[in-house]
Amino acid sequence: MPRSRKTFDLVVAANRLPVDRVVEPDGTSSWRTSPGGLVTAMESVMKGRDGAWVGWAGEAGDAPEPFTEHGMYLRPVPLSAEEVAEYYEGFSNDTLWPIYHDVIVPASFHRQWYAAYERVNRRFAEAIAEVAEQGATVWVHDYQLQLVPAMVRELRPDVRIGWFDHIPFPPVELFAQLPWRKAVLEGLLGADYLGFQRVADAQNFVRACRQLLGLPTKGDVVAVSRAEDARRVRASAVPISIDFAGLEENAKRPETAVRAKEIRESLGNPKTLILGVDRLDYTKGIGHRIKAYGELLAEDKVAPPDEVFVQVATPSRERVEAYQTLRQEIEGEVGRLNGEFSRIGAPAVHYLHHSYPREEMAALYLAADVLLVTPLRDGMNLVAKEYVTCRYDEGGALVLSEFTGAFHELHQAFVVNPHDIAGLKQTIMRAIETPDKEKRRLMRAMRRRVADHDVQRWAARFLENLENAPERPQRTAREQHADDAHAAADRTARERHNATRPSAAR
């Protein structure tokens, strides 16, 4: 395939391009890096690589012409307003998202939504086939593009295809509710390698292939048919991480420390600054967190201005009904707490419903004494890793839900079951009251884990797994020892937590 057609050895495909269009007051427009975990993680991976990124530009209608930004070739995929409503807001976020997150809210099933999902996935596959060099590596991301691997294989059997799941993959009992479960599994089996955040997610996928498609499986490998020479697909855990070095460097800048001090001063220099940072999503447990904090206020365990709670809730999927309802509930409860427990100049809860640039987030992390990361279900939660990374001073305390992927790595956090309001209250107080020396020991260990398993290592391990699939890559003795030690620590942490956590009480 001639190079003049702009083809690349590495093609990344995700629902969104890694940039957003910004329109200036004078009418001129430019592109800036998008917020979000995937873009943040992949940005450093793509640096220095001759790669292309296929994705939607974020605006309904015709797509912009392909362009280069920060040395990366970007190939926009168009979506009509109807497709945004049906493929993205509908099937992706009102059908798949609830099922993949324990059906916290009911899923909606509409045939026209799936038809739009299939049509958009086909369009993505065609764009990938267009920009992929002969024998290229194609890396597809997330639940919006689960049909793409098989479609790309049909169009370009010469390329190597990997897919990574950024969210949980549900148990077969939940996944089986999906009327299009067979098509989704067959779409994913078009890949050579499938990466998941947790071992349990990979096992759920393999089990679904065995039970719902009747396919032979052995360990983490699925045969795509019952024939002896059937192509085999490997599915395993390769948890995502962050750019530790880049984020730490940002946090260590003198201006970040100055801004962190300004933030604390603007909040009245509290003894304890408690922070929550989330997309406004029903999976994040924001309501449970606010309920627990409200009870602590009522019991006079915390009180402004000595304790200050700041909740950053980034706007998300605002046209989906479940998210509109959630926003009303959260803002209503924040208003109630502020009306009942605030003092003049000292609100009980500072609620910020907008996003912030990375520099401001680094300062917030550095300013916060306690970070509450309490999702009801989360694939990973990179906020937890960002906080740990920014605390180069080894200060702070992380309260972490056991239902995050991060729990399987950050064992030294103050672990909590977010459904257990009594336990959540106790854990918040323990994070506040634990002596600083002990908190520094815990933070030091978590920082070491994130530094050792950063985004570059994640990408390298994913691509190594993809290259060797369906076989496992050869591991050095040191790497195998580290993996075994991590698995043992994970088991120990779970056993200790299960033995000591308080009984659930709402």
Protein backbone atom coordinates (compact mmCIF):
# COMPACT_ATOMS: atom_id res chain seq x y z
CA MET A 1 0.00 0.00 0.00
CA PRO A 2 1.66 3.28 -1.07
CA ARG A 3 2.74 5.69 1.64
CA SER A 4 1.19 8.60 -0.26
CA ARG A 5 -2.21 7.41 1.00
CA LYS A 6 -1.16 8.34 4.55
CA THR A 7 -0.97 4.86 6.04
CA PHE A 8 0.58 4.06 9.41
CA ASP A 9 2.13 1.15 11.27
CA LEU A 10 0.12 1.91 14.44
CA VAL A 11 -3.55 2.89 14.28
CA VAL A 12 -5.47 3.75 17.45
CA ALA A 13 -9.27 3.89 17.29
CA ALA A 14 -11.51 5.32 20.01
CA ASN A 15 -14.94 6.92 20.12
CA ARG A 16 -13.39 10.40 20.37
CA LEU A 17 -10.35 12.01 18.86
CA PRO A 18 -7.84 13.17 21.50
CA VAL A 19 -8.65 16.83 20.75
CA ASP A 20 -11.61 19.22 21.02
CA ARG A 21 -12.33 22.18 18.77
CA VAL A 22 -12.12 25.54 20.58
CA VAL A 23 -13.77 28.58 19.05
CA GLU A 24 -12.22 31.92 20.06
CA PRO A 25 -14.25 35.13 20.58
CA ASP A 26 -13.08 36.42 17.19
CA GLY A 27 -14.52 33.33 15.48
CA THR A 28 -11.26 31.55 14.82
CA SER A 29 -10.98 27.95 15.94
CA SER A 30 -8.17 25.67 17.09
CA TRP A 31 -7.74 22.21 18.62
CA ARG A 32 -6.73 21.45 22.20
CA THR A 33 -6.11 18.19 24.03
CA SER A 34 -9.29 16.68 25.45
CA PRO A 35 -9.75 15.89 29.15
CA GLY A 36 -10.36 12.30 30.15
CA GLY A 37 -8.55 9.18 31.23
CA LEU A 38 -8.09 7.57 27.80
CA VAL A 39 -6.59 10.65 26.16
CA THR A 40 -4.34 11.33 29.14
CA ALA A 41 -3.13 7.73 29.13
CA MET A 42 -2.62 7.42 25.37
CA GLU A 43 -1.07 10.85 24.80
CA SER A 44 2.33 9.79 26.12
CA VAL A 45 2.05 6.39 24.41
CA MET A 46 1.65 8.00 20.98
CA LYS A 47 4.54 10.43 21.45
CA GLY A 48 7.39 9.61 19.10
CA ARG A 49 5.38 6.94 17.24
CA ASP A 50 4.41 7.10 13.59
CA GLY A 51 0.75 6.62 14.35
CA ALA A 52 -2.78 7.60 13.42
CA TRP A 53 -5.84 8.09 15.64
CA VAL A 54 -9.33 7.38 14.29
CA GLY A 55 -12.26 8.95 16.17
CA TRP A 56 -15.21 11.31 16.23
CA ALA A 57 -14.37 15.02 16.44
CA GLY A 58 -17.20 15.71 18.92
CA GLU A 59 -19.55 17.68 16.65
CA ALA A 60 -22.55 16.27 14.78
CA GLY A 61 -22.47 16.58 11.00
CA ASP A 62 -19.71 16.34 8.45
CA ALA A 63 -16.28 15.46 9.80
CA PRO A 64 -13.27 17.76 9.33
CA GLU A 65 -10.63 16.70 6.84
CA PRO A 66 -7.84 14.56 8.36
CA PHE A 67 -5.17 16.69 10.01
CA THR A 68 -2.00 16.42 12.08
CA GLU A 69 -1.87 17.69 15.67
CA HIS A 70 1.11 17.33 18.03
CA GLY A 71 2.78 15.06 15.49
CA MET A 72 -0.19 12.64 15.35
CA TYR A 73 -2.30 12.02 12.24
CA LEU A 74 -5.98 12.37 13.15
CA ARG A 75 -8.66 10.78 10.98
CA PRO A 76 -12.11 12.12 11.99
CA VAL A 77 -15.20 9.91 11.63
CA PRO A 78 -18.51 11.73 11.00
CA LEU A 79 -21.60 11.20 13.14
CA SER A 80 -25.01 12.68 12.35
CA ALA A 81 -27.10 14.21 15.14
CA GLU A 82 -29.35 11.13 14.98
CA GLU A 83 -26.33 8.83 15.33
CA VAL A 84 -25.06 10.79 18.33
CA ALA A 85 -28.45 10.24 19.95
CA GLU A 86 -28.78 6.56 19.03
CA TYR A 87 -25.24 5.13 18.81
CA TYR A 88 -23.59 7.18 21.57
CA GLU A 89 -26.21 8.46 24.00
CA GLY A 90 -28.53 5.55 23.29
CA PHE A 91 -26.88 2.18 22.76
CA SER A 92 -23.46 2.97 24.22
CA ASN A 93 -24.56 4.89 27.31
CA ASP A 94 -28.17 3.83 27.96
CA THR A 95 -27.84 0.17 26.98
CA LEU A 96 -24.26 -1.06 27.35
CA TRP A 97 -23.07 1.23 30.17
CA PRO A 98 -25.76 0.16 32.70
CA ILE A 99 -25.27 -3.56 31.96
CA TYR A 100 -21.48 -3.26 32.27
CA HIS A 101 -21.87 -1.42 35.60
CA ASP A 102 -24.00 -3.89 37.57
CA VAL A 103 -27.31 -2.45 36.25
CA ILE A 104 -27.15 0.32 38.85
CA VAL A 105 -29.86 1.89 36.67
CA PRO A 106 -31.99 -0.18 34.27
CA ALA A 107 -30.72 -0.62 30.71
CA SER A 108 -32.84 0.37 27.71
CA PHE A 109 -33.11 -1.88 24.65
CA HIS A 110 -34.06 -0.40 21.27
CA ARG A 111 -33.42 -2.06 17.92
CA GLN A 112 -32.85 1.24 16.12
CA TRP A 113 -30.13 2.10 18.64
CA TYR A 114 -28.31 -1.14 17.88
CA ALA A 115 -28.69 -0.54 14.13
CA ALA A 116 -26.98 2.86 14.59
CA TYR A 117 -24.26 1.23 16.73
CA GLU A 118 -23.58 -1.34 14.01
CA ARG A 119 -23.55 1.32 11.28
CA VAL A 120 -21.12 3.59 13.16
CA ASN A 121 -18.85 0.68 14.05
CA ARG A 122 -18.70 -0.21 10.34
CA ARG A 123 -17.72 3.37 9.52
CA PHE A 124 -14.92 3.26 12.09
CA ALA A 125 -13.68 -0.06 10.67
CA GLU A 126 -13.56 1.37 7.16
CA ALA A 127 -11.59 4.40 8.36
CA ILE A 128 -9.12 2.13 10.16
CA ALA A 129 -8.69 -0.01 7.05
CA GLU A 130 -8.02 3.13 5.04
CA VAL A 131 -5.12 4.42 7.20
CA ALA A 132 -3.52 1.12 8.28
CA GLU A 133 -0.23 0.17 6.64
CA GLN A 134 0.21 -3.40 5.38
CA GLY A 135 0.66 -5.59 8.47
CA ALA A 136 -0.08 -2.67 10.82
CA THR A 137 -0.96 -2.91 14.49
CA VAL A 138 -4.53 -1.74 15.18
CA TRP A 139 -5.48 -0.88 18.76
CA VAL A 140 -9.23 -0.41 19.31
CA HIS A 141 -10.54 1.07 22.55
CA ASP A 142 -13.59 0.57 24.68
CA TYR A 143 -17.24 -0.40 24.71
CA GLN A 144 -18.41 1.97 21.97
CA LEU A 145 -16.45 -0.02 19.35
CA GLN A 146 -17.01 -3.67 20.24
CA LEU A 147 -18.02 -4.70 16.72
CA VAL A 148 -14.98 -3.06 15.11
CA PRO A 149 -12.39 -5.87 15.57
CA ALA A 150 -14.36 -8.39 13.48
CA MET A 151 -15.22 -5.74 10.89
CA VAL A 152 -11.57 -4.72 10.53
CA ARG A 153 -10.54 -8.38 10.21
CA GLU A 154 -13.06 -8.80 7.41
CA LEU A 155 -11.68 -5.74 5.57
CA ARG A 156 -7.98 -6.14 6.40
CA PRO A 157 -6.98 -9.70 7.40
CA ASP A 158 -3.31 -8.63 7.16
CA VAL A 159 -3.35 -6.41 10.27
CA ARG A 160 -2.84 -7.33 13.92
CA ILE A 161 -5.88 -6.31 16.01
CA GLY A 162 -6.04 -5.58 19.73
CA TRP A 163 -8.93 -4.23 21.81
CA PHE A 164 -8.83 -2.77 25.31
CA ASP A 165 -11.79 -2.51 27.67
CA HIS A 166 -11.61 0.59 29.89
CA ILE A 167 -14.75 -0.31 31.86
CA PRO A 168 -15.75 -3.50 33.69
CA PHE A 169 -16.88 -6.51 31.65
CA PRO A 170 -19.97 -7.89 33.37
CA PRO A 171 -20.67 -11.38 34.69
CA VAL A 172 -22.43 -13.57 32.13
CA GLU A 173 -25.66 -13.40 34.15
CA LEU A 174 -25.84 -9.64 33.47
CA PHE A 175 -24.32 -9.68 29.97
CA ALA A 176 -26.89 -12.30 28.92
CA GLN A 177 -29.64 -9.65 29.21
CA LEU A 178 -28.28 -7.95 26.08
CA PRO A 179 -30.38 -9.00 23.07
CA TRP A 180 -27.32 -8.50 20.82
CA ARG A 181 -24.95 -10.44 23.07
CA LYS A 182 -23.89 -12.86 20.31
CA ALA A 183 -23.02 -10.07 17.87
CA VAL A 184 -20.98 -8.23 20.52
CA LEU A 185 -18.98 -11.32 21.47
CA GLU A 186 -18.36 -12.22 17.83
CA GLY A 187 -17.30 -8.63 17.16
CA LEU A 188 -14.74 -8.77 19.96
CA LEU A 189 -13.46 -12.17 18.82
CA GLY A 190 -12.27 -10.49 15.63
CA ALA A 191 -9.29 -9.29 17.69
CA ASP A 192 -6.08 -11.25 18.24
CA TYR A 193 -5.83 -10.03 21.83
CA LEU A 194 -8.32 -8.50 24.28
CA GLY A 195 -7.08 -6.52 27.28
CA PHE A 196 -9.12 -5.91 30.43
CA GLN A 197 -8.61 -3.93 33.63
CA ARG A 198 -9.02 -6.87 36.04
CA VAL A 199 -8.54 -10.62 35.94
CA ALA A 200 -12.26 -10.97 36.77
CA ASP A 201 -13.23 -8.96 33.67
CA ALA A 202 -11.18 -11.19 31.36
CA GLN A 203 -12.63 -14.28 33.02
CA ASN A 204 -16.16 -12.90 32.57
CA PHE A 205 -15.53 -12.48 28.84
CA VAL A 206 -14.10 -15.99 28.42
CA ARG A 207 -17.01 -17.45 30.39
CA ALA A 208 -19.52 -15.57 28.20
CA CYS A 209 -17.91 -17.00 25.05
CA ARG A 210 -18.15 -20.50 26.49
CA GLN A 211 -21.69 -20.26 27.84
CA LEU A 212 -23.39 -18.02 25.26
CA LEU A 213 -21.54 -19.02 22.08
CA GLY A 214 -20.62 -22.60 23.02
CA LEU A 215 -16.98 -22.00 22.07
CA PRO A 216 -14.08 -24.05 23.44
CA THR A 217 -11.94 -22.21 26.00
CA LYS A 218 -8.74 -23.10 27.79
CA GLY A 219 -7.44 -20.76 30.49
CA ASP A 220 -7.48 -17.28 28.99
CA VAL A 221 -7.79 -18.43 25.36
CA VAL A 222 -10.98 -18.76 23.28
CA ALA A 223 -11.18 -20.75 20.03
CA VAL A 224 -13.42 -18.93 17.56
CA SER A 225 -14.91 -22.23 16.34
CA ARG A 226 -14.87 -25.91 17.21
CA ALA A 227 -12.56 -26.80 14.32
CA GLU A 228 -9.14 -28.17 15.29
CA ASP A 229 -7.37 -25.39 13.38
CA ALA A 230 -9.65 -22.62 14.72
CA ARG A 231 -8.11 -19.19 15.23
CA ARG A 232 -7.53 -18.52 18.92
CA VAL A 233 -7.98 -15.26 20.83
CA ARG A 234 -6.37 -14.45 24.17
CA ALA A 235 -8.08 -12.33 26.85
CA SER A 236 -6.17 -11.19 29.94
CA ALA A 237 -5.78 -8.39 32.47
CA VAL A 238 -3.43 -5.51 31.74
CA PRO A 239 -4.54 -2.65 34.03
CA ILE A 240 -4.20 0.87 32.66
CA SER A 241 -2.13 3.55 34.37
CA ILE A 242 -1.00 7.17 33.99
CA ASP A 243 2.04 9.17 32.91
CA PHE A 244 3.67 9.16 36.35
CA ALA A 245 6.78 11.14 35.38
CA GLY A 246 4.87 13.81 33.47
CA LEU A 247 2.21 14.33 36.14
CA GLU A 248 4.75 14.36 38.97
CA GLU A 249 6.80 16.96 37.11
CA ASN A 250 3.67 19.10 36.77
CA ALA A 251 2.92 18.75 40.49
CA LYS A 252 6.49 19.71 41.46
CA ARG A 253 6.42 23.03 39.62
CA PRO A 254 6.73 26.00 42.00
CA GLU A 255 3.57 27.57 40.57
CA THR A 256 1.59 24.40 41.44
CA ALA A 257 2.61 24.67 45.09
CA VAL A 258 1.69 28.36 45.07
CA ARG A 259 -1.71 27.57 43.58
CA ALA A 260 -2.30 24.76 46.12
CA LYS A 261 -1.63 27.23 48.92
CA GLU A 262 -4.02 29.75 47.33
CA ILE A 263 -6.74 27.09 47.15
CA ARG A 264 -6.41 26.30 50.86
CA GLU A 265 -6.40 30.01 51.73
CA SER A 266 -9.52 30.63 49.64
CA LEU A 267 -11.24 27.87 51.63
CA GLY A 268 -10.29 29.43 54.96
CA ASN A 269 -7.14 27.36 55.63
CA PRO A 270 -9.05 24.34 56.96
CA LYS A 271 -7.43 21.73 59.17
CA THR A 272 -8.60 19.08 56.71
CA LEU A 273 -9.49 19.57 53.05
CA ILE A 274 -11.51 16.62 51.74
CA LEU A 275 -11.78 16.31 47.95
CA GLY A 276 -13.88 14.33 45.48
CA VAL A 277 -13.15 14.40 41.74
CA ASP A 278 -15.47 12.56 39.37
CA ARG A 279 -17.46 12.70 36.20
CA LEU A 280 -21.07 13.28 37.20
CA ASP A 281 -22.06 9.64 36.74
CA TYR A 282 -24.28 7.32 38.78
CA THR A 283 -21.46 4.74 38.89
CA LYS A 284 -19.18 7.07 40.89
CA GLY A 285 -21.01 6.85 44.20
CA ILE A 286 -21.21 10.63 44.65
CA GLY A 287 -24.60 10.41 46.32
CA HIS A 288 -23.41 7.78 48.81
CA ARG A 289 -20.37 9.94 49.59
CA ILE A 290 -22.46 13.06 50.19
CA LYS A 291 -24.90 11.09 52.35
CA ALA A 292 -22.03 9.84 54.53
CA TYR A 293 -20.53 13.31 54.81
CA GLY A 294 -23.93 14.78 55.65
CA GLU A 295 -24.29 12.34 58.54
CA LEU A 296 -20.83 13.25 59.80
CA LEU A 297 -21.90 16.91 59.73
CA ALA A 298 -25.11 16.08 61.61
CA GLU A 299 -23.12 14.13 64.23
CA ASP A 300 -20.67 17.05 64.57
CA LYS A 301 -17.76 14.77 63.63
CA VAL A 302 -16.81 17.32 60.96
CA ALA A 303 -17.75 20.98 60.66
CA PRO A 304 -16.71 23.96 58.55
CA PRO A 305 -14.38 25.79 58.63
CA ASP A 306 -12.14 23.13 60.28
CA GLU A 307 -13.19 20.47 57.74
CA VAL A 308 -14.02 21.46 54.18
CA PHE A 309 -15.42 19.17 51.49
CA VAL A 310 -14.89 20.09 47.82
CA GLN A 311 -16.65 17.97 45.18
CA VAL A 312 -15.62 18.46 41.56
CA ALA A 313 -18.30 16.93 39.32
CA THR A 314 -17.36 17.16 35.64
CA PRO A 315 -20.43 17.44 33.36
CA SER A 316 -21.19 14.18 31.56
CA ARG A 317 -23.79 12.88 29.07
CA GLU A 318 -26.16 15.67 29.94
CA ARG A 319 -28.80 14.65 27.39
CA VAL A 320 -29.23 11.16 28.89
CA GLU A 321 -32.20 11.11 31.29
CA ALA A 322 -30.47 9.11 34.03
CA TYR A 323 -27.72 11.73 34.19
CA GLN A 324 -30.19 14.61 34.31
CA THR A 325 -31.94 12.92 37.23
CA LEU A 326 -28.64 12.31 39.00
CA ARG A 327 -27.60 15.94 38.67
CA GLN A 328 -30.89 17.11 40.18
CA GLU A 329 -30.51 14.70 43.10
CA ILE A 330 -26.89 15.62 43.84
CA GLU A 331 -27.43 19.36 43.59
CA GLY A 332 -30.57 19.09 45.74
CA GLU A 333 -28.69 17.25 48.49
CA VAL A 334 -25.73 19.68 48.34
CA GLY A 335 -28.18 22.56 48.69
CA ARG A 336 -29.83 20.91 51.68
CA LEU A 337 -26.51 20.34 53.46
CA ASN A 338 -25.34 23.87 52.76
CA GLY A 339 -28.62 25.29 54.02
CA GLU A 340 -28.47 23.27 57.22
CA PHE A 341 -24.78 23.17 58.14
CA SER A 342 -23.00 26.11 56.51
CA ARG A 343 -21.77 29.16 58.34
CA ILE A 344 -21.33 32.60 56.81
CA GLY A 345 -18.29 32.37 54.59
CA ALA A 346 -17.91 28.64 55.26
CA PRO A 347 -20.12 26.37 53.10
CA ALA A 348 -20.52 22.77 54.24
CA VAL A 349 -19.90 21.52 50.69
CA HIS A 350 -18.19 23.30 47.81
CA TYR A 351 -19.78 21.81 44.68
CA LEU A 352 -18.08 22.57 41.34
CA HIS A 353 -19.93 21.37 38.25
CA HIS A 354 -17.30 21.92 35.56
CA SER A 355 -13.96 20.57 34.42
CA TYR A 356 -10.49 21.95 35.14
CA PRO A 357 -7.18 21.89 33.26
CA ARG A 358 -4.48 19.48 34.41
CA GLU A 359 -2.49 22.21 36.14
CA GLU A 360 -5.42 23.15 38.35
CA MET A 361 -6.15 19.49 39.12
CA ALA A 362 -2.54 18.93 40.21
CA ALA A 363 -2.85 21.88 42.59
CA LEU A 364 -6.15 20.54 43.97
CA TYR A 365 -4.60 17.13 44.59
CA LEU A 366 -1.62 18.73 46.30
CA ALA A 367 -3.93 20.84 48.48
CA ALA A 368 -6.23 17.97 49.54
CA ASP A 369 -5.60 16.12 52.80
CA VAL A 370 -8.07 13.34 51.91
CA LEU A 371 -9.28 12.20 48.49
CA LEU A 372 -12.55 10.25 48.35
CA VAL A 373 -12.67 7.79 45.43
CA THR A 374 -15.81 5.78 46.16
CA PRO A 375 -17.39 4.42 42.94
CA LEU A 376 -20.03 1.73 43.07
CA ARG A 377 -18.28 0.12 40.09
CA ASP A 378 -15.32 1.37 38.04
CA GLY A 379 -13.00 -0.26 35.53
CA MET A 380 -9.90 1.40 37.00
CA ASN A 381 -10.32 5.01 38.23
CA LEU A 382 -7.25 6.96 37.22
CA VAL A 383 -8.13 9.80 39.64
CA ALA A 384 -6.80 7.62 42.47
CA LYS A 385 -3.50 7.14 40.65
CA GLU A 386 -3.30 10.84 39.74
CA TYR A 387 -3.68 11.84 43.40
CA VAL A 388 -0.99 9.42 44.53
CA THR A 389 1.33 10.69 41.80
CA CYS A 390 0.85 14.35 42.67
CA ARG A 391 1.62 13.72 46.36
CA TYR A 392 5.39 13.80 45.88
CA ASP A 393 5.51 15.17 49.46
CA GLU A 394 4.05 11.79 50.61
CA GLY A 395 1.21 13.65 52.29
CA GLY A 396 -2.50 12.99 51.98
CA ALA A 397 -4.77 9.98 52.40
CA LEU A 398 -6.68 8.02 49.75
CA VAL A 399 -10.10 6.57 50.59
CA LEU A 400 -10.72 3.97 47.86
CA SER A 401 -13.70 1.83 46.90
CA GLU A 402 -13.07 -1.90 46.71
CA PHE A 403 -15.16 -1.89 43.52
CA THR A 404 -12.52 -0.07 41.47
CA GLY A 405 -9.76 -1.62 39.42
CA ALA A 406 -7.36 0.61 41.34
CA PHE A 407 -8.18 -1.32 44.54
CA HIS A 408 -6.31 -4.31 43.10
CA GLU A 409 -3.11 -2.25 42.94
CA LEU A 410 -3.32 0.39 45.69
CA HIS A 411 -3.68 -1.93 48.68
CA GLN A 412 -2.40 0.68 51.15
CA ALA A 413 -5.39 2.96 50.61
CA PHE A 414 -8.16 3.33 53.21
CA VAL A 415 -10.42 0.76 51.52
CA VAL A 416 -14.19 0.98 51.77
CA ASN A 417 -17.43 -0.56 50.55
CA PRO A 418 -19.29 2.57 49.35
CA HIS A 419 -22.70 0.91 49.86
CA ASP A 420 -21.89 0.67 53.59
CA ILE A 421 -22.63 4.22 54.75
CA ALA A 422 -21.63 3.50 58.36
CA GLY A 423 -18.37 1.97 57.17
CA LEU A 424 -17.77 4.85 54.76
CA LYS A 425 -18.16 7.35 57.62
CA GLN A 426 -15.75 5.39 59.80
CA THR A 427 -13.21 5.17 56.98
CA ILE A 428 -13.36 8.91 56.27
CA MET A 429 -12.70 9.62 59.93
CA ARG A 430 -9.88 7.08 60.01
CA ALA A 431 -8.28 8.78 56.99
CA ILE A 432 -8.52 12.13 58.80
CA GLU A 433 -7.28 10.91 62.18
CA THR A 434 -4.51 8.42 61.28
CA PRO A 435 -1.12 9.87 62.32
CA ASP A 436 0.81 11.61 59.56
CA LYS A 437 3.77 9.25 59.89
CA GLU A 438 1.58 6.23 59.12
CA LYS A 439 -0.14 8.02 56.23
CA ARG A 440 3.26 8.87 54.73
CA ARG A 441 4.26 5.21 54.89
CA LEU A 442 1.08 4.21 53.07
CA MET A 443 1.41 6.95 50.44
CA ARG A 444 5.06 6.05 49.81
CA ALA A 445 4.12 2.46 49.02
CA MET A 446 1.30 3.48 46.67
CA ARG A 447 3.53 5.95 44.84
CA ARG A 448 6.11 3.23 44.32
CA ARG A 449 3.45 0.98 42.77
CA VAL A 450 2.19 3.64 40.35
CA ALA A 451 5.73 4.69 39.40
CA ASP A 452 6.67 1.09 38.63
CA HIS A 453 3.47 0.44 36.65
CA ASP A 454 3.01 3.65 34.65
CA VAL A 455 1.26 4.20 31.34
CA GLN A 456 4.36 3.38 29.31
CA ARG A 457 4.62 -0.02 30.98
CA TRP A 458 0.88 -0.58 30.43
CA ALA A 459 1.19 0.18 26.71
CA ALA A 460 4.33 -1.92 26.34
CA ARG A 461 2.68 -4.90 28.04
CA PHE A 462 -0.49 -4.57 25.96
CA LEU A 463 1.45 -4.39 22.68
CA GLU A 464 3.70 -7.27 23.78
CA ASN A 465 0.63 -9.37 24.58
CA LEU A 466 -0.87 -8.45 21.21
CA GLU A 467 2.29 -9.37 19.34
CA ASN A 468 2.52 -12.79 21.00
CA ALA A 469 -1.18 -13.71 21.15
CA PRO A 470 -2.63 -16.24 21.51
CA GLU A 471 0.51 -17.32 23.39
CA ARG A 472 1.71 -15.50 26.48
CA PRO A 473 4.86 -13.42 26.06
CA GLN A 474 8.02 -14.70 27.69
CA ARG A 475 8.46 -13.15 31.12
CA THR A 476 11.78 -12.56 32.84
CA ALA A 477 12.23 -14.09 36.29
CA ARG A 478 12.12 -10.59 37.80
CA GLU A 479 8.88 -9.71 36.00
CA GLN A 480 7.24 -13.00 36.97
CA HIS A 481 8.32 -12.52 40.58
CA ALA A 482 6.80 -9.02 40.60
CA ASP A 483 3.54 -10.32 39.13
CA ASP A 484 3.37 -13.18 41.64
CA ALA A 485 4.06 -10.79 44.53
CA HIS A 486 1.33 -8.44 43.33
CA ALA A 487 -1.17 -11.31 43.04
CA ALA A 488 -0.31 -12.49 46.54
CA ALA A 489 -0.67 -8.96 47.94
CA ASP A 490 -4.04 -8.66 46.21
CA ARG A 491 -5.29 -11.87 47.85
CA THR A 492 -3.97 -10.79 51.26
CA ALA A 493 -5.59 -7.35 51.00
CA ARG A 494 -8.94 -8.86 50.08
CA GLU A 495 -8.83 -11.37 52.92
CA ARG A 496 -7.84 -8.69 55.46
CA HIS A 497 -10.53 -6.29 54.23
CA ASN A 498 -13.27 -8.93 54.20
CA ALA A 499 -12.33 -9.93 57.75
CA THR A 500 -12.38 -6.42 59.20
CA ARG A 501 -14.97 -4.34 57.32
CA PRO A 502 -18.06 -3.28 59.29
CA SER A 503 -21.49 -4.61 58.50
CA ALA A 504 -23.47 -2.73 55.86
CA ALA A 505 -25.86 -0.07 57.13
CA ARG A 506 -27.49 2.63 55.08
